[in-house]
PDB file of N, CA and C in Angstrom:
ATOM      1  N   MET A   1     117.929 -52.993  42.739  1.00  0.00           N
ATOM      2  CA  MET A   1     118.183 -51.663  42.214  1.00  0.00           C
ATOM      3  C   MET A   1     116.902 -50.838  42.393  1.00  0.00           C
ATOM      4  N   SER A   2     116.989 -49.764  43.121  1.00  0.00           N
ATOM      5  CA  SER A   2     115.831 -48.897  43.302  1.00  0.00           C
ATOM      6  C   SER A   2     116.181 -47.496  42.830  1.00  0.00           C
ATOM      7  N   GLY A   3     115.154 -46.718  42.571  1.00  0.00           N
ATOM      8  CA  GLY A   3     115.386 -45.350  42.127  1.00  0.00           C
ATOM      9  C   GLY A   3     114.090 -44.667  41.775  1.00  0.00           C
ATOM     10  N   ALA A   4     114.169 -43.395  41.475  1.00  0.00           N
ATOM     11  CA  ALA A   4     113.001 -42.613  41.077  1.00  0.00           C
ATOM     12  C   ALA A   4     112.500 -43.093  39.713  1.00  0.00           C
ATOM     13  N   ILE A   5     111.197 -43.068  39.523  1.00  0.00           N
ATOM     14  CA  ILE A   5     110.582 -43.503  38.268  1.00  0.00           C
ATOM     15  C   ILE A   5     110.626 -42.361  37.258  1.00  0.00           C
ATOM     16  N   LEU A   6     110.986 -42.691  36.011  1.00  0.00           N
ATOM     17  CA  LEU A   6     111.024 -41.684  34.951  1.00  0.00           C
ATOM     18  C   LEU A   6     109.631 -41.459  34.373  1.00  0.00           C
ATOM     19  N   HIS A   7     109.374 -40.225  33.969  1.00  0.00           N
ATOM     20  CA  HIS A   7     108.120 -39.884  33.317  1.00  0.00           C
ATOM     21  C   HIS A   7     108.440 -39.020  32.096  1.00  0.00           C
ATOM     22  N   LEU A   8     107.425 -38.668  31.342  1.00  0.00           N
ATOM     23  CA  LEU A   8     107.609 -37.925  30.103  1.00  0.00           C
ATOM     24  C   LEU A   8     108.329 -36.597  30.305  1.00  0.00           C
ATOM     25  N   GLY A   9     108.221 -35.982  31.450  1.00  0.00           N
ATOM     26  CA  GLY A   9     108.870 -34.701  31.703  1.00  0.00           C
ATOM     27  C   GLY A   9     110.303 -34.797  32.188  1.00  0.00           C
ATOM     28  N   ALA A  10     110.836 -36.005  32.349  1.00  0.00           N
ATOM     29  CA  ALA A  10     112.211 -36.176  32.824  1.00  0.00           C
ATOM     30  C   ALA A  10     113.195 -35.699  31.762  1.00  0.00           C
ATOM     31  N   SER A  11     114.315 -35.158  32.201  1.00  0.00           N
ATOM     32  CA  SER A  11     115.346 -34.670  31.293  1.00  0.00           C
ATOM     33  C   SER A  11     116.374 -35.785  31.083  1.00  0.00           C
ATOM     34  N   VAL A  12     116.424 -36.309  29.848  1.00  0.00           N
ATOM     35  CA  VAL A  12     117.323 -37.412  29.504  1.00  0.00           C
ATOM     36  C   VAL A  12     118.118 -37.019  28.262  1.00  0.00           C
ATOM     37  N   THR A  13     119.409 -37.360  28.250  1.00  0.00           N
ATOM     38  CA  THR A  13     120.256 -37.099  27.083  1.00  0.00           C
ATOM     39  C   THR A  13     121.074 -38.347  26.770  1.00  0.00           C
ATOM     40  N   CYS A  14     121.644 -38.361  25.577  1.00  0.00           N
ATOM     41  CA  CYS A  14     122.639 -39.389  25.276  1.00  0.00           C
ATOM     42  C   CYS A  14     123.937 -38.960  25.949  1.00  0.00           C
ATOM     43  N   SER A  15     124.934 -39.799  25.943  1.00  0.00           N
ATOM     44  CA  SER A  15     126.211 -39.473  26.593  1.00  0.00           C
ATOM     45  C   SER A  15     126.905 -38.265  25.978  1.00  0.00           C
ATOM     46  N   HIS A  16     126.490 -37.889  24.769  1.00  0.00           N
ATOM     47  CA  HIS A  16     127.114 -36.771  24.060  1.00  0.00           C
ATOM     48  C   HIS A  16     126.286 -35.486  24.152  1.00  0.00           C
ATOM     49  N   GLY A  17     125.214 -35.497  24.940  1.00  0.00           N
ATOM     50  CA  GLY A  17     124.423 -34.296  25.171  1.00  0.00           C
ATOM     51  C   GLY A  17     123.204 -34.112  24.297  1.00  0.00           C
ATOM     52  N   GLY A  18     122.888 -35.069  23.445  1.00  0.00           N
ATOM     53  CA  GLY A  18     121.696 -34.960  22.600  1.00  0.00           C
ATOM     54  C   GLY A  18     120.435 -35.272  23.394  1.00  0.00           C
ATOM     55  N   PRO A  19     119.418 -34.400  23.367  1.00  0.00           N
ATOM     56  CA  PRO A  19     118.196 -34.647  24.125  1.00  0.00           C
ATOM     57  C   PRO A  19     117.469 -35.892  23.643  1.00  0.00           C
ATOM     58  N   ALA A  20     116.960 -36.672  24.612  1.00  0.00           N
ATOM     59  CA  ALA A  20     116.251 -37.917  24.306  1.00  0.00           C
ATOM     60  C   ALA A  20     114.843 -37.853  24.879  1.00  0.00           C
ATOM     61  N   VAL A  21     113.855 -38.277  24.097  1.00  0.00           N
ATOM     62  CA  VAL A  21     112.458 -38.292  24.550  1.00  0.00           C
ATOM     63  C   VAL A  21     111.832 -39.645  24.228  1.00  0.00           C
ATOM     64  N   PRO A  22     110.961 -40.133  25.129  1.00  0.00           N
ATOM     65  CA  PRO A  22     110.317 -41.414  24.868  1.00  0.00           C
ATOM     66  C   PRO A  22     109.302 -41.283  23.734  1.00  0.00           C
ATOM     67  N   THR A  23     109.262 -42.268  22.862  1.00  0.00           N
ATOM     68  CA  THR A  23     108.323 -42.217  21.740  1.00  0.00           C
ATOM     69  C   THR A  23     106.952 -42.755  22.113  1.00  0.00           C
ATOM     70  N   VAL A  24     106.884 -43.644  23.109  1.00  0.00           N
ATOM     71  CA  VAL A  24     105.606 -44.245  23.490  1.00  0.00           C
ATOM     72  C   VAL A  24     105.498 -44.333  25.015  1.00  0.00           C
ATOM     73  N   PRO A  25     105.235 -43.216  25.710  1.00  0.00           N
ATOM     74  CA  PRO A  25     105.049 -43.291  27.162  1.00  0.00           C
ATOM     75  C   PRO A  25     103.725 -43.998  27.479  1.00  0.00           C
ATOM     76  N   TYR A  26     103.612 -44.529  28.699  1.00  0.00           N
ATOM     77  CA  TYR A  26     102.404 -45.248  29.111  1.00  0.00           C
ATOM     78  C   TYR A  26     101.456 -44.256  29.782  1.00  0.00           C
ATOM     79  N   SER A  27     100.445 -43.812  29.068  1.00  0.00           N
ATOM     80  CA  SER A  27      99.592 -42.699  29.510  1.00  0.00           C
ATOM     81  C   SER A  27      98.533 -43.061  30.545  1.00  0.00           C
ATOM     82  N   ARG A  28      98.325 -44.338  30.835  1.00  0.00           N
ATOM     83  CA  ARG A  28      97.309 -44.712  31.833  1.00  0.00           C
ATOM     84  C   ARG A  28      97.793 -44.513  33.265  1.00  0.00           C
ATOM     85  N   VAL A  29      99.099 -44.351  33.444  1.00  0.00           N
ATOM     86  CA  VAL A  29      99.670 -44.070  34.766  1.00  0.00           C
ATOM     87  C   VAL A  29     100.463 -42.777  34.649  1.00  0.00           C
ATOM     88  N   THR A  30     100.201 -41.824  35.556  1.00  0.00           N
ATOM     89  CA  THR A  30     100.902 -40.541  35.481  1.00  0.00           C
ATOM     90  C   THR A  30     101.602 -40.210  36.794  1.00  0.00           C
ATOM     91  N   LEU A  31     102.676 -39.440  36.677  1.00  0.00           N
ATOM     92  CA  LEU A  31     103.403 -38.881  37.816  1.00  0.00           C
ATOM     93  C   LEU A  31     103.543 -37.396  37.555  1.00  0.00           C
ATOM     94  N   SER A  32     103.111 -36.584  38.474  1.00  0.00           N
ATOM     95  CA  SER A  32     103.138 -35.128  38.315  1.00  0.00           C
ATOM     96  C   SER A  32     102.409 -34.710  37.035  1.00  0.00           C
ATOM     97  N   GLY A  33     101.393 -35.450  36.666  1.00  0.00           N
ATOM     98  CA  GLY A  33     100.602 -35.134  35.481  1.00  0.00           C
ATOM     99  C   GLY A  33     101.206 -35.596  34.170  1.00  0.00           C
ATOM    100  N   HIS A  34     102.348 -36.291  34.208  1.00  0.00           N
ATOM    101  CA  HIS A  34     103.010 -36.769  32.997  1.00  0.00           C
ATOM    102  C   HIS A  34     102.970 -38.294  32.952  1.00  0.00           C
ATOM    103  N   PRO A  35     102.800 -38.894  31.781  1.00  0.00           N
ATOM    104  CA  PRO A  35     102.797 -40.359  31.665  1.00  0.00           C
ATOM    105  C   PRO A  35     104.147 -40.949  32.076  1.00  0.00           C
ATOM    106  N   VAL A  36     104.106 -42.155  32.677  1.00  0.00           N
ATOM    107  CA  VAL A  36     105.341 -42.852  33.043  1.00  0.00           C
ATOM    108  C   VAL A  36     105.957 -43.485  31.801  1.00  0.00           C
ATOM    109  N   VAL A  37     107.205 -43.906  31.925  1.00  0.00           N
ATOM    110  CA  VAL A  37     107.918 -44.542  30.823  1.00  0.00           C
ATOM    111  C   VAL A  37     108.223 -45.982  31.218  1.00  0.00           C
ATOM    112  N   THR A  38     107.901 -46.925  30.337  1.00  0.00           N
ATOM    113  CA  THR A  38     108.231 -48.328  30.576  1.00  0.00           C
ATOM    114  C   THR A  38     109.467 -48.705  29.760  1.00  0.00           C
ATOM    115  N   VAL A  39     110.072 -49.841  30.081  1.00  0.00           N
ATOM    116  CA  VAL A  39     111.270 -50.270  29.365  1.00  0.00           C
ATOM    117  C   VAL A  39     110.968 -50.619  27.911  1.00  0.00           C
ATOM    118  N   ALA A  40     109.699 -50.811  27.577  1.00  0.00           N
ATOM    119  CA  ALA A  40     109.330 -51.130  26.195  1.00  0.00           C
ATOM    120  C   ALA A  40     109.340 -49.902  25.287  1.00  0.00           C
ATOM    121  N   ALA A  41     109.385 -48.710  25.857  1.00  0.00           N
ATOM    122  CA  ALA A  41     109.324 -47.476  25.062  1.00  0.00           C
ATOM    123  C   ALA A  41     110.704 -47.087  24.542  1.00  0.00           C
ATOM    124  N   PRO A  42     110.897 -47.080  23.222  1.00  0.00           N
ATOM    125  CA  PRO A  42     112.175 -46.600  22.690  1.00  0.00           C
ATOM    126  C   PRO A  42     112.255 -45.078  22.813  1.00  0.00           C
ATOM    127  N   TYR A  43     113.468 -44.570  22.857  1.00  0.00           N
ATOM    128  CA  TYR A  43     113.700 -43.127  22.935  1.00  0.00           C
ATOM    129  C   TYR A  43     114.220 -42.622  21.591  1.00  0.00           C
ATOM    130  N   ALA A  44     113.797 -41.443  21.209  1.00  0.00           N
ATOM    131  CA  ALA A  44     114.325 -40.778  20.015  1.00  0.00           C
ATOM    132  C   ALA A  44     115.336 -39.739  20.488  1.00  0.00           C
ATOM    133  N   ILE A  45     116.493 -39.688  19.826  1.00  0.00           N
ATOM    134  CA  ILE A  45     117.555 -38.758  20.203  1.00  0.00           C
ATOM    135  C   ILE A  45     117.822 -37.816  19.037  1.00  0.00           C
ATOM    136  N   ALA A  46     117.797 -36.528  19.329  1.00  0.00           N
ATOM    137  CA  ALA A  46     118.050 -35.520  18.295  1.00  0.00           C
ATOM    138  C   ALA A  46     119.296 -34.724  18.668  1.00  0.00           C
ATOM    139  N   HIS A  47     120.036 -34.303  17.674  1.00  0.00           N
ATOM    140  CA  HIS A  47     121.180 -33.404  17.855  1.00  0.00           C
ATOM    141  C   HIS A  47     122.283 -33.963  18.748  1.00  0.00           C
ATOM    142  N   CYS A  48     122.648 -35.218  18.528  1.00  0.00           N
ATOM    143  CA  CYS A  48     123.784 -35.809  19.244  1.00  0.00           C
ATOM    144  C   CYS A  48     125.047 -35.029  18.878  1.00  0.00           C
ATOM    145  N   ASN A  49     125.868 -34.723  19.857  1.00  0.00           N
ATOM    146  CA  ASN A  49     127.070 -33.907  19.643  1.00  0.00           C
ATOM    147  C   ASN A  49     128.344 -34.728  19.522  1.00  0.00           C
ATOM    148  N   LEU A  50     128.258 -35.932  19.017  1.00  0.00           N
ATOM    149  CA  LEU A  50     129.450 -36.757  18.847  1.00  0.00           C
ATOM    150  C   LEU A  50     130.421 -36.055  17.903  1.00  0.00           C
ATOM    151  N   ALA A  51     131.700 -36.138  18.192  1.00  0.00           N
ATOM    152  CA  ALA A  51     132.730 -35.425  17.418  1.00  0.00           C
ATOM    153  C   ALA A  51     132.679 -35.729  15.922  1.00  0.00           C
ATOM    154  N   ALA A  52     133.107 -34.776  15.125  1.00  0.00           N
ATOM    155  CA  ALA A  52     133.013 -34.834  13.658  1.00  0.00           C
ATOM    156  C   ALA A  52     133.600 -36.084  13.008  1.00  0.00           C
ATOM    157  N   PRO A  53     134.741 -36.621  13.417  1.00  0.00           N
ATOM    158  CA  PRO A  53     135.249 -37.803  12.719  1.00  0.00           C
ATOM    159  C   PRO A  53     134.309 -39.007  12.803  1.00  0.00           C
ATOM    160  N   ALA A  54     133.443 -39.029  13.793  1.00  0.00           N
ATOM    161  CA  ALA A  54     132.538 -40.166  13.987  1.00  0.00           C
ATOM    162  C   ALA A  54     131.084 -39.798  13.710  1.00  0.00           C
ATOM    163  N   GLU A  55     130.833 -38.883  12.780  1.00  0.00           N
ATOM    164  CA  GLU A  55     129.470 -38.424  12.503  1.00  0.00           C
ATOM    165  C   GLU A  55     128.501 -39.554  12.198  1.00  0.00           C
ATOM    166  N   ALA A  56     128.960 -40.585  11.517  1.00  0.00           N
ATOM    167  CA  ALA A  56     128.084 -41.701  11.154  1.00  0.00           C
ATOM    168  C   ALA A  56     127.609 -42.477  12.373  1.00  0.00           C
ATOM    169  N   LEU A  57     128.271 -42.308  13.502  1.00  0.00           N
ATOM    170  CA  LEU A  57     127.897 -43.029  14.719  1.00  0.00           C
ATOM    171  C   LEU A  57     127.118 -42.173  15.714  1.00  0.00           C
ATOM    172  N   ARG A  58     126.627 -41.028  15.292  1.00  0.00           N
ATOM    173  CA  ARG A  58     125.838 -40.180  16.198  1.00  0.00           C
ATOM    174  C   ARG A  58     124.586 -40.913  16.664  1.00  0.00           C
ATOM    175  N   CYS A  59     124.225 -40.685  17.912  1.00  0.00           N
ATOM    176  CA  CYS A  59     123.065 -41.363  18.506  1.00  0.00           C
ATOM    177  C   CYS A  59     121.773 -40.922  17.819  1.00  0.00           C
ATOM    178  N   THR A  60     120.941 -41.875  17.472  1.00  0.00           N
ATOM    179  CA  THR A  60     119.642 -41.585  16.863  1.00  0.00           C
ATOM    180  C   THR A  60     118.490 -42.116  17.699  1.00  0.00           C
ATOM    181  N   GLY A  61     118.768 -43.084  18.544  1.00  0.00           N
ATOM    182  CA  GLY A  61     117.736 -43.677  19.384  1.00  0.00           C
ATOM    183  C   GLY A  61     118.359 -44.340  20.588  1.00  0.00           C
ATOM    184  N   GLY A  62     117.519 -44.708  21.535  1.00  0.00           N
ATOM    185  CA  GLY A  62     118.013 -45.359  22.738  1.00  0.00           C
ATOM    186  C   GLY A  62     116.973 -46.292  23.306  1.00  0.00           C
ATOM    187  N   GLN A  63     117.430 -47.237  24.128  1.00  0.00           N
ATOM    188  CA  GLN A  63     116.537 -48.215  24.752  1.00  0.00           C
ATOM    189  C   GLN A  63     117.023 -48.495  26.165  1.00  0.00           C
ATOM    190  N   TRP A  64     116.093 -48.560  27.099  1.00  0.00           N
ATOM    191  CA  TRP A  64     116.428 -48.940  28.471  1.00  0.00           C
ATOM    192  C   TRP A  64     116.506 -50.457  28.512  1.00  0.00           C
ATOM    193  N   LEU A  65     117.512 -50.988  29.167  1.00  0.00           N
ATOM    194  CA  LEU A  65     117.756 -52.423  29.170  1.00  0.00           C
ATOM    195  C   LEU A  65     117.104 -53.144  30.344  1.00  0.00           C
ATOM    196  N   GLN A  66     116.905 -52.455  31.450  1.00  0.00           N
ATOM    197  CA  GLN A  66     116.339 -53.066  32.646  1.00  0.00           C
ATOM    198  C   GLN A  66     115.550 -52.019  33.399  1.00  0.00           C
ATOM    199  N   GLY A  67     114.498 -52.445  34.077  1.00  0.00           N
ATOM    200  CA  GLY A  67     113.671 -51.509  34.830  1.00  0.00           C
ATOM    201  C   GLY A  67     113.318 -52.050  36.197  1.00  0.00           C
ATOM    202  N   SER A  68     112.197 -51.600  36.712  1.00  0.00           N
ATOM    203  CA  SER A  68     111.752 -52.021  38.040  1.00  0.00           C
ATOM    204  C   SER A  68     111.434 -53.517  38.037  1.00  0.00           C
ATOM    205  N   THR A  69     111.601 -54.142  39.200  1.00  0.00           N
ATOM    206  CA  THR A  69     111.314 -55.578  39.312  1.00  0.00           C
ATOM    207  C   THR A  69     110.060 -55.872  40.119  1.00  0.00           C
ATOM    208  N   ARG A  70     109.548 -54.870  40.812  1.00  0.00           N
ATOM    209  CA  ARG A  70     108.352 -55.082  41.637  1.00  0.00           C
ATOM    210  C   ARG A  70     107.176 -54.182  41.280  1.00  0.00           C
ATOM    211  N   VAL A  71     107.414 -53.134  40.521  1.00  0.00           N
ATOM    212  CA  VAL A  71     106.350 -52.197  40.161  1.00  0.00           C
ATOM    213  C   VAL A  71     106.229 -52.173  38.634  1.00  0.00           C
ATOM    214  N   PHE A  72     104.988 -52.341  38.144  1.00  0.00           N
ATOM    215  CA  PHE A  72     104.751 -52.429  36.708  1.00  0.00           C
ATOM    216  C   PHE A  72     103.601 -51.522  36.287  1.00  0.00           C
ATOM    217  N   ALA A  73     103.581 -51.161  35.024  1.00  0.00           N
ATOM    218  CA  ALA A  73     102.476 -50.404  34.431  1.00  0.00           C
ATOM    219  C   ALA A  73     102.125 -51.107  33.129  1.00  0.00           C
ATOM    220  N   GLY A  74     100.896 -51.585  33.043  1.00  0.00           N
ATOM    221  CA  GLY A  74     100.488 -52.318  31.851  1.00  0.00           C
ATOM    222  C   GLY A  74     101.263 -53.615  31.676  1.00  0.00           C
ATOM    223  N   GLY A  75     101.737 -54.191  32.778  1.00  0.00           N
ATOM    224  CA  GLY A  75     102.496 -55.428  32.725  1.00  0.00           C
ATOM    225  C   GLY A  75     103.956 -55.257  32.349  1.00  0.00           C
ATOM    226  N   ARG A  76     104.418 -54.029  32.215  1.00  0.00           N
ATOM    227  CA  ARG A  76     105.804 -53.763  31.814  1.00  0.00           C
ATOM    228  C   ARG A  76     106.550 -53.052  32.937  1.00  0.00           C
ATOM    229  N   ALA A  77     107.832 -53.347  33.043  1.00  0.00           N
ATOM    230  CA  ALA A  77     108.679 -52.718  34.057  1.00  0.00           C
ATOM    231  C   ALA A  77     108.811 -51.225  33.783  1.00  0.00           C
ATOM    232  N   LEU A  78     108.888 -50.442  34.842  1.00  0.00           N
ATOM    233  CA  LEU A  78     109.056 -48.999  34.723  1.00  0.00           C
ATOM    234  C   LEU A  78     110.535 -48.646  34.646  1.00  0.00           C
ATOM    235  N   VAL A  79     110.853 -47.571  33.959  1.00  0.00           N
ATOM    236  CA  VAL A  79     112.235 -47.100  33.870  1.00  0.00           C
ATOM    237  C   VAL A  79     112.558 -46.322  35.140  1.00  0.00           C
ATOM    238  N   LEU A  80     113.689 -46.657  35.748  1.00  0.00           N
ATOM    239  CA  LEU A  80     114.163 -45.971  36.943  1.00  0.00           C
ATOM    240  C   LEU A  80     115.356 -45.096  36.583  1.00  0.00           C
ATOM    241  N   GLU A  81     115.636 -44.108  37.402  1.00  0.00           N
ATOM    242  CA  GLU A  81     116.777 -43.231  37.125  1.00  0.00           C
ATOM    243  C   GLU A  81     118.095 -43.998  37.143  1.00  0.00           C
ATOM    244  N   THR A  82     118.119 -45.178  37.746  1.00  0.00           N
ATOM    245  CA  THR A  82     119.327 -45.993  37.828  1.00  0.00           C
ATOM    246  C   THR A  82     119.365 -47.102  36.778  1.00  0.00           C
ATOM    247  N   SER A  83     118.372 -47.146  35.890  1.00  0.00           N
ATOM    248  CA  SER A  83     118.296 -48.214  34.884  1.00  0.00           C
ATOM    249  C   SER A  83     119.410 -48.083  33.850  1.00  0.00           C
ATOM    250  N   PRO A  84     120.008 -49.222  33.454  1.00  0.00           N
ATOM    251  CA  PRO A  84     121.018 -49.177  32.385  1.00  0.00           C
ATOM    252  C   PRO A  84     120.356 -48.964  31.028  1.00  0.00           C
ATOM    253  N   SER A  85     121.090 -48.369  30.097  1.00  0.00           N
ATOM    254  CA  SER A  85     120.529 -48.073  28.777  1.00  0.00           C
ATOM    255  C   SER A  85     121.603 -48.196  27.711  1.00  0.00           C
ATOM    256  N   MET A  86     121.151 -48.127  26.459  1.00  0.00           N
ATOM    257  CA  MET A  86     122.086 -48.202  25.341  1.00  0.00           C
ATOM    258  C   MET A  86     121.529 -47.382  24.181  1.00  0.00           C
ATOM    259  N   CYS A  87     122.400 -46.589  23.544  1.00  0.00           N
ATOM    260  CA  CYS A  87     122.017 -45.794  22.379  1.00  0.00           C
ATOM    261  C   CYS A  87     122.364 -46.544  21.096  1.00  0.00           C
ATOM    262  N   VAL A  88     121.620 -46.229  20.059  1.00  0.00           N
ATOM    263  CA  VAL A  88     121.854 -46.800  18.732  1.00  0.00           C
ATOM    264  C   VAL A  88     122.443 -45.699  17.870  1.00  0.00           C
ATOM    265  N   PRO A  89     123.450 -45.914  17.091  1.00  0.00           N
ATOM    266  CA  PRO A  89     124.129 -47.153  16.728  1.00  0.00           C
ATOM    267  C   PRO A  89     125.430 -47.398  17.465  1.00  0.00           C
ATOM    268  N   ASN A  90     125.832 -46.538  18.412  1.00  0.00           N
ATOM    269  CA  ASN A  90     127.184 -46.649  18.977  1.00  0.00           C
ATOM    270  C   ASN A  90     127.276 -47.330  20.336  1.00  0.00           C
ATOM    271  N   GLY A  91     126.162 -47.620  20.991  1.00  0.00           N
ATOM    272  CA  GLY A  91     126.184 -48.318  22.274  1.00  0.00           C
ATOM    273  C   GLY A  91     126.457 -47.452  23.488  1.00  0.00           C
ATOM    274  N   ALA A  92     126.493 -46.136  23.327  1.00  0.00           N
ATOM    275  CA  ALA A  92     126.693 -45.229  24.467  1.00  0.00           C
ATOM    276  C   ALA A  92     125.472 -45.287  25.386  1.00  0.00           C
ATOM    277  N   ALA A  93     125.630 -44.824  26.595  1.00  0.00           N
ATOM    278  CA  ALA A  93     124.530 -44.834  27.560  1.00  0.00           C
ATOM    279  C   ALA A  93     123.718 -43.544  27.499  1.00  0.00           C
ATOM    280  N   MET A  94     122.454 -43.631  27.904  1.00  0.00           N
ATOM    281  CA  MET A  94     121.647 -42.429  28.091  1.00  0.00           C
ATOM    282  C   MET A  94     121.815 -41.989  29.546  1.00  0.00           C
ATOM    283  N   LEU A  95     121.745 -40.688  29.777  1.00  0.00           N
ATOM    284  CA  LEU A  95     121.934 -40.125  31.106  1.00  0.00           C
ATOM    285  C   LEU A  95     120.668 -39.417  31.567  1.00  0.00           C
ATOM    286  N   VAL A  96     120.250 -39.684  32.804  1.00  0.00           N
ATOM    287  CA  VAL A  96     119.099 -38.995  33.390  1.00  0.00           C
ATOM    288  C   VAL A  96     119.637 -37.768  34.117  1.00  0.00           C
ATOM    289  N   LEU A  97     119.287 -36.580  33.624  1.00  0.00           N
ATOM    290  CA  LEU A  97     119.763 -35.339  34.233  1.00  0.00           C
ATOM    291  C   LEU A  97     118.831 -34.859  35.332  1.00  0.00           C
ATOM    292  N   GLU A  98     117.531 -35.046  35.118  1.00  0.00           N
ATOM    293  CA  GLU A  98     116.546 -34.573  36.091  1.00  0.00           C
ATOM    294  C   GLU A  98     115.270 -35.388  35.944  1.00  0.00           C
ATOM    295  N   CYS A  99     114.681 -35.770  37.068  1.00  0.00           N
ATOM    296  CA  CYS A  99     113.391 -36.461  37.045  1.00  0.00           C
ATOM    297  C   CYS A  99     112.660 -36.203  38.364  1.00  0.00           C
ATOM    298  N   GLN A 100     111.427 -36.618  38.418  1.00  0.00           N
ATOM    299  CA  GLN A 100     110.651 -36.416  39.634  1.00  0.00           C
ATOM    300  C   GLN A 100     111.262 -37.253  40.749  1.00  0.00           C
ATOM    301  N   THR A 101     111.129 -36.824  41.998  1.00  0.00           N
ATOM    302  CA  THR A 101     111.745 -37.540  43.120  1.00  0.00           C
ATOM    303  C   THR A 101     110.737 -37.977  44.171  1.00  0.00           C
ATOM    304  N   ARG A 102     109.469 -37.782  43.907  1.00  0.00           N
ATOM    305  CA  ARG A 102     108.447 -38.119  44.900  1.00  0.00           C
ATOM    306  C   ARG A 102     108.098 -39.591  44.915  1.00  0.00           C
ATOM    307  N   VAL A 103     108.243 -40.278  43.765  1.00  0.00           N
ATOM    308  CA  VAL A 103     107.855 -41.685  43.676  1.00  0.00           C
ATOM    309  C   VAL A 103     109.057 -42.495  43.222  1.00  0.00           C
ATOM    310  N   SER A 104     109.375 -43.535  44.007  1.00  0.00           N
ATOM    311  CA  SER A 104     110.458 -44.428  43.623  1.00  0.00           C
ATOM    312  C   SER A 104     109.956 -45.861  43.616  1.00  0.00           C
ATOM    313  N   ALA A 105     110.721 -46.733  43.010  1.00  0.00           N
ATOM    314  CA  ALA A 105     110.334 -48.138  42.900  1.00  0.00           C
ATOM    315  C   ALA A 105     111.569 -49.013  43.002  1.00  0.00           C
ATOM    316  N   VAL A 106     111.292 -50.295  43.159  1.00  0.00           N
ATOM    317  CA  VAL A 106     112.362 -51.299  43.180  1.00  0.00           C
ATOM    318  C   VAL A 106     112.227 -52.164  41.961  1.00  0.00           C
TER     319      VAL A 106
END
């Protein structure tokens, strides 16, 4: 699985449109001046738009499940635009809407 590497400036949302941002990007490696994101970094999700009957299941956080297999930062796999993810508490996926395209990894 190969794809563009995610960084702090990438646009990521939960499946319901709530913006997601990494809580702990890896600042020793940067792309376009922004720190990269490793699979160890949890995401915080604000303003999930899940329908009203399921308000208790609105996304509050997310985690990438798999990352790069050949490129690492600080010994941790990097998040790729094709990486699978899961939101808490409902298990929905996070979606990468926009990210840098100059650097990719496997």
